[in-house]
């Protein structure tokens, strides 16, 4: 039976993908950085707004906003091109990702706000770092930088709190609304922190 086509309407989406069999998909700093390059390149190519992201060793979270029905095309380019890079670099073959990416539409502002906190706080909840600023593979530290990367210039946080670092810190360190988070987990089976590999951060 053919796969059902995804229903894609303009708006905000929480996107998750993980390595096949929960394997590591980012082994070295170069891997994270190459994925970020691809992500930003294709976001611009497909006119997709990147609001927040966090790359963990065996999965990633993205908060995207699409303006036309092209989320699947964007994700196919991102995942397939990264898989080609990863397989070639590490001399492997076969699928890198655990099936198609998963995505959920952000239905209201409470959902959206909780997603921002959840995504950015992933490294902290996983005990990867003691402060969010220390984790190099998420959008958080870019929001505090003097110059925001091109692909994050239209992010909700930049548009609403640009250069107001204290407000950004307070916001993204806020406690997550547990009732909303439980609904998110129930609806989307969020990847939990214990599944990640901490060895890379221990080396730094």
C-alpha atoms as a PDB file:
ATOM      1  CA  UNK A   1       0.000   0.000   0.000  1.00  0.00           C
ATOM      2  CA  UNK A   2       1.484   3.400  -0.968  1.00  0.00           C
ATOM      3  CA  UNK A   3       2.240   5.916   1.749  1.00  0.00           C
ATOM      4  CA  UNK A   4      -0.414   8.503   2.408  1.00  0.00           C
ATOM      5  CA  UNK A   5       0.667  11.960   1.313  1.00  0.00           C
ATOM      6  CA  UNK A   6       1.372  14.379   4.139  1.00  0.00           C
ATOM      7  CA  UNK A   7      -1.095  17.180   4.660  1.00  0.00           C
ATOM      8  CA  UNK A   8       0.972  20.338   4.642  1.00  0.00           C
ATOM      9  CA  UNK A   9      -0.608  23.693   5.413  1.00  0.00           C
ATOM     10  CA  UNK A  10       1.170  26.969   6.072  1.00  0.00           C
ATOM     11  CA  UNK A  11       2.255  27.415   9.670  1.00  0.00           C
ATOM     12  CA  UNK A  12       4.610  26.134  12.370  1.00  0.00           C
ATOM     13  CA  UNK A  13       5.825  22.538  12.531  1.00  0.00           C
ATOM     14  CA  UNK A  14       7.815  20.594  15.096  1.00  0.00           C
ATOM     15  CA  UNK A  15       9.999  18.139  13.182  1.00  0.00           C
ATOM     16  CA  UNK A  16      11.863  15.171  14.685  1.00  0.00           C
ATOM     17  CA  UNK A  17      14.088  12.572  13.112  1.00  0.00           C
ATOM     18  CA  UNK A  18      16.461  10.066  14.636  1.00  0.00           C
ATOM     19  CA  UNK A  19      19.098   7.611  13.507  1.00  0.00           C
ATOM     20  CA  UNK A  20      18.030   4.141  12.421  1.00  0.00           C
ATOM     21  CA  UNK A  21      17.961   1.834  15.451  1.00  0.00           C
ATOM     22  CA  UNK A  22      18.724   4.976  17.525  1.00  0.00           C
ATOM     23  CA  UNK A  23      22.284   4.981  16.192  1.00  0.00           C
ATOM     24  CA  UNK A  24      24.568   8.000  16.326  1.00  0.00           C
ATOM     25  CA  UNK A  25      24.146  10.338  13.344  1.00  0.00           C
ATOM     26  CA  UNK A  26      26.485  13.108  14.520  1.00  0.00           C
ATOM     27  CA  UNK A  27      29.863  11.728  15.571  1.00  0.00           C
ATOM     28  CA  UNK A  28      32.154  14.731  15.268  1.00  0.00           C
ATOM     29  CA  UNK A  29      31.812  18.530  15.338  1.00  0.00           C
ATOM     30  CA  UNK A  30      32.155  18.576  11.546  1.00  0.00           C
ATOM     31  CA  UNK A  31      29.019  16.450  11.264  1.00  0.00           C
ATOM     32  CA  UNK A  32      26.892  18.831  13.292  1.00  0.00           C
ATOM     33  CA  UNK A  33      28.270  21.801  11.387  1.00  0.00           C
ATOM     34  CA  UNK A  34      27.663  20.218   7.979  1.00  0.00           C
ATOM     35  CA  UNK A  35      24.049  19.437   8.917  1.00  0.00           C
ATOM     36  CA  UNK A  36      23.600  23.051  10.015  1.00  0.00           C
ATOM     37  CA  UNK A  37      24.991  24.250   6.686  1.00  0.00           C
ATOM     38  CA  UNK A  38      22.592  22.018   4.754  1.00  0.00           C
ATOM     39  CA  UNK A  39      19.689  23.035   6.963  1.00  0.00           C
ATOM     40  CA  UNK A  40      20.301  26.738   6.396  1.00  0.00           C
ATOM     41  CA  UNK A  41      20.962  26.322   2.682  1.00  0.00           C
ATOM     42  CA  UNK A  42      17.775  24.399   1.989  1.00  0.00           C
ATOM     43  CA  UNK A  43      15.685  26.556   4.318  1.00  0.00           C
ATOM     44  CA  UNK A  44      16.611  29.523   2.150  1.00  0.00           C
ATOM     45  CA  UNK A  45      16.065  27.553  -1.074  1.00  0.00           C
ATOM     46  CA  UNK A  46      12.553  26.533  -0.020  1.00  0.00           C
ATOM     47  CA  UNK A  47      11.653  29.832   1.692  1.00  0.00           C
ATOM     48  CA  UNK A  48      11.225  28.083   5.035  1.00  0.00           C
ATOM     49  CA  UNK A  49      11.662  30.002   8.290  1.00  0.00           C
ATOM     50  CA  UNK A  50      13.822  28.297  10.895  1.00  0.00           C
ATOM     51  CA  UNK A  51      12.755  29.315  14.397  1.00  0.00           C
ATOM     52  CA  UNK A  52      14.589  26.889  16.722  1.00  0.00           C
ATOM     53  CA  UNK A  53      16.668  23.747  16.440  1.00  0.00           C
ATOM     54  CA  UNK A  54      18.712  21.351  18.531  1.00  0.00           C
ATOM     55  CA  UNK A  55      20.987  18.623  17.193  1.00  0.00           C
ATOM     56  CA  UNK A  56      21.671  15.758  19.600  1.00  0.00           C
ATOM     57  CA  UNK A  57      23.942  12.822  18.814  1.00  0.00           C
ATOM     58  CA  UNK A  58      21.253  10.453  17.530  1.00  0.00           C
ATOM     59  CA  UNK A  59      18.331  12.759  16.762  1.00  0.00           C
ATOM     60  CA  UNK A  60      17.332  16.319  16.093  1.00  0.00           C
ATOM     61  CA  UNK A  61      14.471  18.730  16.743  1.00  0.00           C
ATOM     62  CA  UNK A  62      13.476  21.570  14.413  1.00  0.00           C
ATOM     63  CA  UNK A  63      10.809  24.234  14.735  1.00  0.00           C
ATOM     64  CA  UNK A  64      10.001  25.395  11.218  1.00  0.00           C
ATOM     65  CA  UNK A  65       7.469  27.640   9.567  1.00  0.00           C
ATOM     66  CA  UNK A  66       6.376  26.873   6.030  1.00  0.00           C
ATOM     67  CA  UNK A  67       4.608  29.289   3.717  1.00  0.00           C
ATOM     68  CA  UNK A  68       3.719  26.785   1.010  1.00  0.00           C
ATOM     69  CA  UNK A  69       3.296  23.026   0.733  1.00  0.00           C
ATOM     70  CA  UNK A  70       6.986  22.108   0.597  1.00  0.00           C
ATOM     71  CA  UNK A  71       7.943  20.708   4.002  1.00  0.00           C
ATOM     72  CA  UNK A  72       8.429  17.179   2.648  1.00  0.00           C
ATOM     73  CA  UNK A  73      10.592  18.415  -0.226  1.00  0.00           C
ATOM     74  CA  UNK A  74      12.773  20.393   2.160  1.00  0.00           C
ATOM     75  CA  UNK A  75      13.171  17.496   4.565  1.00  0.00           C
ATOM     76  CA  UNK A  76      13.954  15.040   1.763  1.00  0.00           C
ATOM     77  CA  UNK A  77      16.780  17.265   0.530  1.00  0.00           C
ATOM     78  CA  UNK A  78      18.143  17.800   4.033  1.00  0.00           C
ATOM     79  CA  UNK A  79      18.020  14.185   5.202  1.00  0.00           C
ATOM     80  CA  UNK A  80      19.145  12.537   1.973  1.00  0.00           C
ATOM     81  CA  UNK A  81      22.076  14.872   1.382  1.00  0.00           C
ATOM     82  CA  UNK A  82      23.265  14.522   4.955  1.00  0.00           C
ATOM     83  CA  UNK A  83      22.953  10.719   4.711  1.00  0.00           C
ATOM     84  CA  UNK A  84      25.102  10.719   1.555  1.00  0.00           C
ATOM     85  CA  UNK A  85      27.744  12.783   3.365  1.00  0.00           C
ATOM     86  CA  UNK A  86      27.649  10.634   6.502  1.00  0.00           C
ATOM     87  CA  UNK A  87      27.776   7.273   4.686  1.00  0.00           C
ATOM     88  CA  UNK A  88      30.650   8.379   2.493  1.00  0.00           C
ATOM     89  CA  UNK A  89      32.634   9.795   5.410  1.00  0.00           C
ATOM     90  CA  UNK A  90      32.236   6.734   7.628  1.00  0.00           C
ATOM     91  CA  UNK A  91      32.292   4.046   4.928  1.00  0.00           C
ATOM     92  CA  UNK A  92      28.796   2.757   5.560  1.00  0.00           C
ATOM     93  CA  UNK A  93      25.767   2.023   3.388  1.00  0.00           C
ATOM     94  CA  UNK A  94      22.035   1.746   3.857  1.00  0.00           C
ATOM     95  CA  UNK A  95      19.495   3.913   5.614  1.00  0.00           C
ATOM     96  CA  UNK A  96      20.758   6.474   8.104  1.00  0.00           C
ATOM     97  CA  UNK A  97      17.393   7.690   9.387  1.00  0.00           C
ATOM     98  CA  UNK A  98      14.661   5.771  11.167  1.00  0.00           C
ATOM     99  CA  UNK A  99      12.042   6.074   8.452  1.00  0.00           C
ATOM    100  CA  UNK A 100      10.482   9.321   7.356  1.00  0.00           C
ATOM    101  CA  UNK A 101      10.735  12.370   9.568  1.00  0.00           C
ATOM    102  CA  UNK A 102       7.899  13.025  12.001  1.00  0.00           C
ATOM    103  CA  UNK A 103       6.167  16.371  12.097  1.00  0.00           C
ATOM    104  CA  UNK A 104       3.383  17.987  14.115  1.00  0.00           C
ATOM    105  CA  UNK A 105       1.527  21.182  13.441  1.00  0.00           C
ATOM    106  CA  UNK A 106       1.716  23.810  16.201  1.00  0.00           C
ATOM    107  CA  UNK A 107      -1.938  24.586  16.772  1.00  0.00           C
ATOM    108  CA  UNK A 108      -1.705  27.547  19.165  1.00  0.00           C
ATOM    109  CA  UNK A 109       0.659  29.940  20.947  1.00  0.00           C
ATOM    110  CA  UNK A 110       0.917  27.818  24.104  1.00  0.00           C
ATOM    111  CA  UNK A 111       2.025  24.851  22.013  1.00  0.00           C
ATOM    112  CA  UNK A 112       4.515  27.032  20.123  1.00  0.00           C
ATOM    113  CA  UNK A 113       5.983  28.581  23.277  1.00  0.00           C
ATOM    114  CA  UNK A 114       6.386  25.180  24.933  1.00  0.00           C
ATOM    115  CA  UNK A 115       8.111  23.814  21.837  1.00  0.00           C
ATOM    116  CA  UNK A 116      10.678  26.616  21.891  1.00  0.00           C
ATOM    117  CA  UNK A 117      11.537  25.871  25.521  1.00  0.00           C
ATOM    118  CA  UNK A 118      11.549  22.114  25.058  1.00  0.00           C
ATOM    119  CA  UNK A 119      13.810  22.205  21.999  1.00  0.00           C
ATOM    120  CA  UNK A 120      16.322  24.648  23.454  1.00  0.00           C
ATOM    121  CA  UNK A 121      16.454  22.933  26.865  1.00  0.00           C
ATOM    122  CA  UNK A 122      17.207  19.480  25.426  1.00  0.00           C
ATOM    123  CA  UNK A 123      20.986  19.577  26.169  1.00  0.00           C
ATOM    124  CA  UNK A 124      20.330  20.809  29.718  1.00  0.00           C
ATOM    125  CA  UNK A 125      17.769  18.097  30.452  1.00  0.00           C
ATOM    126  CA  UNK A 126      20.230  15.517  29.108  1.00  0.00           C
ATOM    127  CA  UNK A 127      22.967  16.803  31.470  1.00  0.00           C
ATOM    128  CA  UNK A 128      25.148  17.551  28.466  1.00  0.00           C
ATOM    129  CA  UNK A 129      25.930  21.046  29.758  1.00  0.00           C
ATOM    130  CA  UNK A 130      25.404  23.117  32.882  1.00  0.00           C
ATOM    131  CA  UNK A 131      24.239  26.169  30.931  1.00  0.00           C
ATOM    132  CA  UNK A 132      22.434  26.420  27.604  1.00  0.00           C
ATOM    133  CA  UNK A 133      25.069  28.850  26.323  1.00  0.00           C
ATOM    134  CA  UNK A 134      27.641  26.042  26.456  1.00  0.00           C
ATOM    135  CA  UNK A 135      25.924  23.793  23.935  1.00  0.00           C
ATOM    136  CA  UNK A 136      27.190  24.606  20.425  1.00  0.00           C
ATOM    137  CA  UNK A 137      24.681  22.664  18.312  1.00  0.00           C
ATOM    138  CA  UNK A 138      21.420  24.468  18.939  1.00  0.00           C
ATOM    139  CA  UNK A 139      19.977  27.849  18.030  1.00  0.00           C
ATOM    140  CA  UNK A 140      20.167  29.161  21.608  1.00  0.00           C
ATOM    141  CA  UNK A 141      23.702  30.551  21.599  1.00  0.00           C
ATOM    142  CA  UNK A 142      23.121  32.198  18.218  1.00  0.00           C
ATOM    143  CA  UNK A 143      20.281  34.231  19.705  1.00  0.00           C
ATOM    144  CA  UNK A 144      22.794  35.745  22.125  1.00  0.00           C
ATOM    145  CA  UNK A 145      25.501  36.371  19.522  1.00  0.00           C
ATOM    146  CA  UNK A 146      26.358  39.839  18.251  1.00  0.00           C
ATOM    147  CA  UNK A 147      25.432  38.809  14.718  1.00  0.00           C
ATOM    148  CA  UNK A 148      22.586  36.402  14.005  1.00  0.00           C
ATOM    149  CA  UNK A 149      23.163  33.869  11.194  1.00  0.00           C
ATOM    150  CA  UNK A 150      21.161  34.513   8.041  1.00  0.00           C
ATOM    151  CA  UNK A 151      18.953  31.459   8.488  1.00  0.00           C
ATOM    152  CA  UNK A 152      17.814  32.572  11.974  1.00  0.00           C
ATOM    153  CA  UNK A 153      17.199  36.253  11.248  1.00  0.00           C
ATOM    154  CA  UNK A 154      13.473  35.667  10.865  1.00  0.00           C
ATOM    155  CA  UNK A 155      13.152  33.407  13.896  1.00  0.00           C
ATOM    156  CA  UNK A 156      10.361  34.336  16.306  1.00  0.00           C
ATOM    157  CA  UNK A 157      12.819  35.085  19.106  1.00  0.00           C
ATOM    158  CA  UNK A 158      14.958  37.348  16.925  1.00  0.00           C
ATOM    159  CA  UNK A 159      11.936  39.189  15.554  1.00  0.00           C
ATOM    160  CA  UNK A 160      10.504  39.792  19.026  1.00  0.00           C
ATOM    161  CA  UNK A 161      13.572  40.104  21.270  1.00  0.00           C
ATOM    162  CA  UNK A 162      16.575  40.888  19.074  1.00  0.00           C
ATOM    163  CA  UNK A 163      19.574  42.157  21.096  1.00  0.00           C
ATOM    164  CA  UNK A 164      17.632  41.835  24.366  1.00  0.00           C
ATOM    165  CA  UNK A 165      19.780  39.017  25.712  1.00  0.00           C
ATOM    166  CA  UNK A 166      18.395  39.129  29.220  1.00  0.00           C
ATOM    167  CA  UNK A 167      14.828  38.695  28.009  1.00  0.00           C
ATOM    168  CA  UNK A 168      15.896  35.815  25.764  1.00  0.00           C
ATOM    169  CA  UNK A 169      17.707  34.108  28.640  1.00  0.00           C
ATOM    170  CA  UNK A 170      14.774  34.467  30.991  1.00  0.00           C
ATOM    171  CA  UNK A 171      12.352  33.209  28.372  1.00  0.00           C
ATOM    172  CA  UNK A 172      14.322  30.146  27.293  1.00  0.00           C
ATOM    173  CA  UNK A 173      15.199  29.183  30.864  1.00  0.00           C
ATOM    174  CA  UNK A 174      11.550  29.313  31.929  1.00  0.00           C
ATOM    175  CA  UNK A 175       9.917  26.205  33.287  1.00  0.00           C
ATOM    176  CA  UNK A 176       8.047  24.257  30.664  1.00  0.00           C
ATOM    177  CA  UNK A 177       4.286  24.081  31.211  1.00  0.00           C
ATOM    178  CA  UNK A 178       4.034  20.446  32.265  1.00  0.00           C
ATOM    179  CA  UNK A 179       0.418  20.053  31.166  1.00  0.00           C
ATOM    180  CA  UNK A 180       1.214  21.277  27.659  1.00  0.00           C
ATOM    181  CA  UNK A 181       4.397  19.191  27.574  1.00  0.00           C
ATOM    182  CA  UNK A 182       2.504  16.039  28.502  1.00  0.00           C
ATOM    183  CA  UNK A 183       0.106  16.684  25.650  1.00  0.00           C
ATOM    184  CA  UNK A 184       3.075  17.153  23.322  1.00  0.00           C
ATOM    185  CA  UNK A 185       4.651  13.911  24.465  1.00  0.00           C
ATOM    186  CA  UNK A 186       1.386  12.061  24.147  1.00  0.00           C
ATOM    187  CA  UNK A 187       0.780  13.386  20.648  1.00  0.00           C
ATOM    188  CA  UNK A 188       4.281  13.131  19.230  1.00  0.00           C
ATOM    189  CA  UNK A 189       6.283  10.587  21.274  1.00  0.00           C
ATOM    190  CA  UNK A 190       9.088  13.076  21.845  1.00  0.00           C
ATOM    191  CA  UNK A 191      12.617  11.710  21.951  1.00  0.00           C
ATOM    192  CA  UNK A 192      13.767  11.623  25.561  1.00  0.00           C
ATOM    193  CA  UNK A 193      17.162  12.868  26.649  1.00  0.00           C
ATOM    194  CA  UNK A 194      18.626   9.573  27.982  1.00  0.00           C
ATOM    195  CA  UNK A 195      18.847   8.228  24.423  1.00  0.00           C
ATOM    196  CA  UNK A 196      21.695  10.552  23.468  1.00  0.00           C
ATOM    197  CA  UNK A 197      25.450   9.996  23.524  1.00  0.00           C
ATOM    198  CA  UNK A 198      27.361  12.347  25.839  1.00  0.00           C
ATOM    199  CA  UNK A 199      30.890  11.307  24.865  1.00  0.00           C
ATOM    200  CA  UNK A 200      31.401  14.140  22.385  1.00  0.00           C
ATOM    201  CA  UNK A 201      30.650  16.817  24.958  1.00  0.00           C
ATOM    202  CA  UNK A 202      32.871  15.113  27.561  1.00  0.00           C
ATOM    203  CA  UNK A 203      35.808  15.480  25.179  1.00  0.00           C
ATOM    204  CA  UNK A 204      35.306  19.230  24.913  1.00  0.00           C
END
